[in-house]
Amino acid sequence: MQEYAIQKSSRRCYDSDRILAPGERYYSAIIQKGSELVRRDYSAEKWSGPTAETIGWWVAKVPDKKTAKTKLAPAQVLLDTLQSFLETPGKDPIAYLLAILLLRKKILVSQDAHDSSENANLATLDLSSASGDQHFVIPIAEISVSETESIQAELLELLYTED
């Protein structure tokens, strides 16, 4: 997977639509909406905790313009998001690209590539979390260039934060 420039967040509270100030702490959440995952940012005063639809959440701080840099969401949020993609029909391509990103970041480690017992024509990646407590079988997806760009944009929107 290639590295791409990271989009800046909108720095707005989802509930109040208020612009978050530099240095202000806020909460980011990955929410399940039907078959889609969406990212929402909340100011500290509007955050009432995760809802039943929340896949993962974390606290971040709006950076000063001089020190702004992006980073991935916490490892467990990334693994929970991957699991959610694997359980959602039609999300194999995004799960595959996320798995490759997590391999590169050493959040996942490879066991081996093998043929799926369900379908001998479907190759998979056998991966586990670096801690070894979670196992994932990822279908290898054939993805066109145009699909790759839209999937990467979705991943960037969901999984990166500024701090």
Protein backbone atom coordinates (compact mmCIF):
# COMPACT_ATOMS: atom_id res chain seq x y z
CA MET A 1 0.00 0.00 0.00
CA GLN A 2 1.34 3.43 -0.91
CA GLU A 3 1.58 6.31 1.55
CA TYR A 4 -0.75 9.22 0.84
CA ALA A 5 -1.04 12.74 2.21
CA ILE A 6 -3.33 12.71 5.23
CA GLN A 7 -6.46 14.86 5.17
CA LYS A 8 -6.86 17.35 7.98
CA SER A 9 -9.89 16.91 10.19
CA SER A 10 -12.72 19.43 10.04
CA ARG A 11 -12.10 20.26 13.73
CA ARG A 12 -15.84 20.61 14.33
CA CYS A 13 -18.02 19.13 17.04
CA TYR A 14 -20.56 16.77 15.47
CA ASP A 15 -23.35 17.71 17.94
CA SER A 16 -22.93 21.49 18.13
CA ASP A 17 -21.18 22.17 14.78
CA ARG A 18 -18.82 24.39 16.79
CA ILE A 19 -15.24 24.77 15.56
CA LEU A 20 -12.84 23.18 18.04
CA ALA A 21 -10.08 25.51 19.24
CA PRO A 22 -6.33 24.77 19.11
CA GLY A 23 -5.31 22.91 22.28
CA GLU A 24 -8.90 21.77 23.00
CA ARG A 25 -9.46 18.12 23.88
CA TYR A 26 -12.13 16.27 21.93
CA TYR A 27 -13.41 12.72 21.45
CA SER A 28 -13.34 10.82 18.15
CA ALA A 29 -15.62 7.83 17.63
CA ILE A 30 -16.04 5.24 14.89
CA ILE A 31 -19.80 4.62 14.59
CA GLN A 32 -21.63 1.79 12.80
CA LYS A 33 -24.43 3.26 10.64
CA GLY A 34 -26.09 0.42 8.76
CA SER A 35 -23.37 -1.16 6.65
CA GLU A 36 -21.16 1.94 6.87
CA LEU A 37 -18.63 3.14 9.43
CA VAL A 38 -18.42 6.88 10.05
CA ARG A 39 -16.11 8.99 12.14
CA ARG A 40 -17.52 11.66 14.43
CA ASP A 41 -15.67 14.18 16.57
CA TYR A 42 -17.23 15.63 19.73
CA SER A 43 -16.18 18.48 21.99
CA ALA A 44 -15.54 17.40 25.58
CA GLU A 45 -18.75 19.09 26.80
CA LYS A 46 -20.90 17.30 24.16
CA TRP A 47 -19.36 13.83 24.64
CA SER A 48 -21.70 11.65 26.68
CA GLY A 49 -19.82 8.42 26.14
CA PRO A 50 -19.90 5.75 23.44
CA THR A 51 -23.26 4.60 22.09
CA ALA A 52 -24.23 1.02 21.24
CA GLU A 53 -23.23 1.70 17.60
CA THR A 54 -19.71 2.82 18.57
CA ILE A 55 -16.98 0.47 17.34
CA GLY A 56 -14.17 2.39 19.06
CA TRP A 57 -13.34 5.81 20.45
CA TRP A 58 -10.39 7.86 21.70
CA VAL A 59 -9.48 11.25 23.10
CA ALA A 60 -7.39 13.68 21.06
CA LYS A 61 -6.33 17.30 21.20
CA VAL A 62 -6.69 19.87 18.43
CA PRO A 63 -3.09 20.71 17.55
CA ASP A 64 -1.59 24.13 17.22
CA LYS A 65 -1.07 24.95 13.55
CA LYS A 66 2.70 24.95 14.07
CA THR A 67 2.83 21.44 15.59
CA ALA A 68 0.04 19.66 13.68
CA LYS A 69 0.81 16.07 12.71
CA THR A 70 -1.42 13.10 12.08
CA LYS A 71 -1.44 9.69 13.67
CA LEU A 72 -3.44 6.52 13.54
CA ALA A 73 -6.24 5.77 15.96
CA PRO A 74 -5.28 3.45 18.86
CA ALA A 75 -4.38 -0.13 17.88
CA GLN A 76 -7.45 -1.73 19.48
CA VAL A 77 -9.77 0.68 17.63
CA LEU A 78 -8.05 -0.30 14.37
CA LEU A 79 -8.43 -4.02 15.11
CA ASP A 80 -12.10 -3.59 16.10
CA THR A 81 -12.71 -1.65 12.88
CA LEU A 82 -11.05 -4.42 10.85
CA GLN A 83 -13.26 -7.01 12.57
CA SER A 84 -16.35 -4.93 11.79
CA PHE A 85 -15.36 -4.69 8.11
CA LEU A 86 -14.88 -8.48 7.97
CA GLU A 87 -18.37 -9.03 9.40
CA THR A 88 -20.02 -6.62 6.92
CA PRO A 89 -20.88 -8.01 3.46
CA GLY A 90 -19.17 -6.14 0.63
CA LYS A 91 -16.40 -4.69 2.83
CA ASP A 92 -13.69 -7.21 1.85
CA PRO A 93 -11.70 -4.66 -0.21
CA ILE A 94 -11.52 -2.10 2.62
CA ALA A 95 -10.72 -4.87 5.13
CA TYR A 96 -7.89 -6.05 2.88
CA LEU A 97 -6.35 -2.57 2.54
CA LEU A 98 -6.73 -1.94 6.28
CA ALA A 99 -5.05 -5.28 7.03
CA ILE A 100 -2.09 -4.33 4.80
CA LEU A 101 -1.80 -0.98 6.59
CA LEU A 102 -1.86 -2.77 9.97
CA LEU A 103 0.82 -5.19 8.76
CA ARG A 104 3.02 -2.25 7.75
CA LYS A 105 2.47 -0.61 11.15
CA LYS A 106 3.26 -3.96 12.87
CA ILE A 107 -0.14 -4.02 14.60
CA LEU A 108 -0.80 -7.29 12.73
CA VAL A 109 1.69 -10.05 11.97
CA SER A 110 1.44 -12.58 9.15
CA GLN A 111 0.96 -16.27 9.82
CA ASP A 112 0.95 -17.35 6.13
CA ALA A 113 -1.06 -17.10 2.89
CA HIS A 114 -3.22 -20.12 2.07
CA ASP A 115 -6.29 -21.24 0.15
CA SER A 116 -9.57 -20.81 1.99
CA SER A 117 -11.22 -24.11 2.94
CA GLU A 118 -14.60 -22.67 1.87
CA ASN A 119 -13.51 -21.80 -1.68
CA ALA A 120 -10.22 -23.05 -3.15
CA ASN A 121 -10.16 -20.10 -5.59
CA LEU A 122 -10.25 -17.48 -2.81
CA ALA A 123 -6.78 -16.76 -1.40
CA THR A 124 -6.58 -15.33 2.11
CA LEU A 125 -4.09 -13.80 4.51
CA ASP A 126 -3.77 -15.49 7.89
CA LEU A 127 -2.97 -12.71 10.38
CA SER A 128 -2.92 -12.17 14.11
CA SER A 129 -2.55 -9.16 16.34
CA ALA A 130 0.99 -8.42 17.50
CA SER A 131 -0.05 -9.46 21.01
CA GLY A 132 -1.34 -12.76 19.62
CA ASP A 133 -4.78 -12.53 21.22
CA GLN A 134 -6.76 -11.90 18.01
CA HIS A 135 -6.78 -13.89 14.75
CA PHE A 136 -8.00 -12.68 11.35
CA VAL A 137 -8.48 -14.45 8.02
CA ILE A 138 -8.52 -11.72 5.38
CA PRO A 139 -9.79 -12.44 1.85
CA ILE A 140 -7.30 -11.08 -0.69
CA ALA A 141 -9.29 -8.60 -2.76
CA GLU A 142 -8.54 -7.54 -6.31
CA ILE A 143 -8.95 -3.76 -6.26
CA SER A 144 -8.81 -1.35 -9.18
CA VAL A 145 -6.86 1.91 -8.97
CA SER A 146 -10.07 3.95 -8.74
CA GLU A 147 -11.39 1.72 -5.94
CA THR A 148 -8.07 2.00 -4.08
CA GLU A 149 -8.25 5.80 -4.03
CA SER A 150 -11.81 5.91 -2.68
CA ILE A 151 -11.12 3.18 -0.09
CA GLN A 152 -7.97 4.95 1.09
CA ALA A 153 -9.89 8.21 1.42
CA GLU A 154 -12.48 6.40 3.56
CA LEU A 155 -9.75 4.87 5.75
CA LEU A 156 -8.01 8.24 6.16
CA GLU A 157 -11.28 9.87 7.22
CA LEU A 158 -12.08 7.10 9.73
CA LEU A 159 -8.75 6.20 11.26
CA TYR A 160 -6.41 9.18 11.40
CA THR A 161 -6.46 11.98 13.94
CA GLU A 162 -4.35 15.05 14.60
CA ASP A 163 -2.62 15.34 17.95
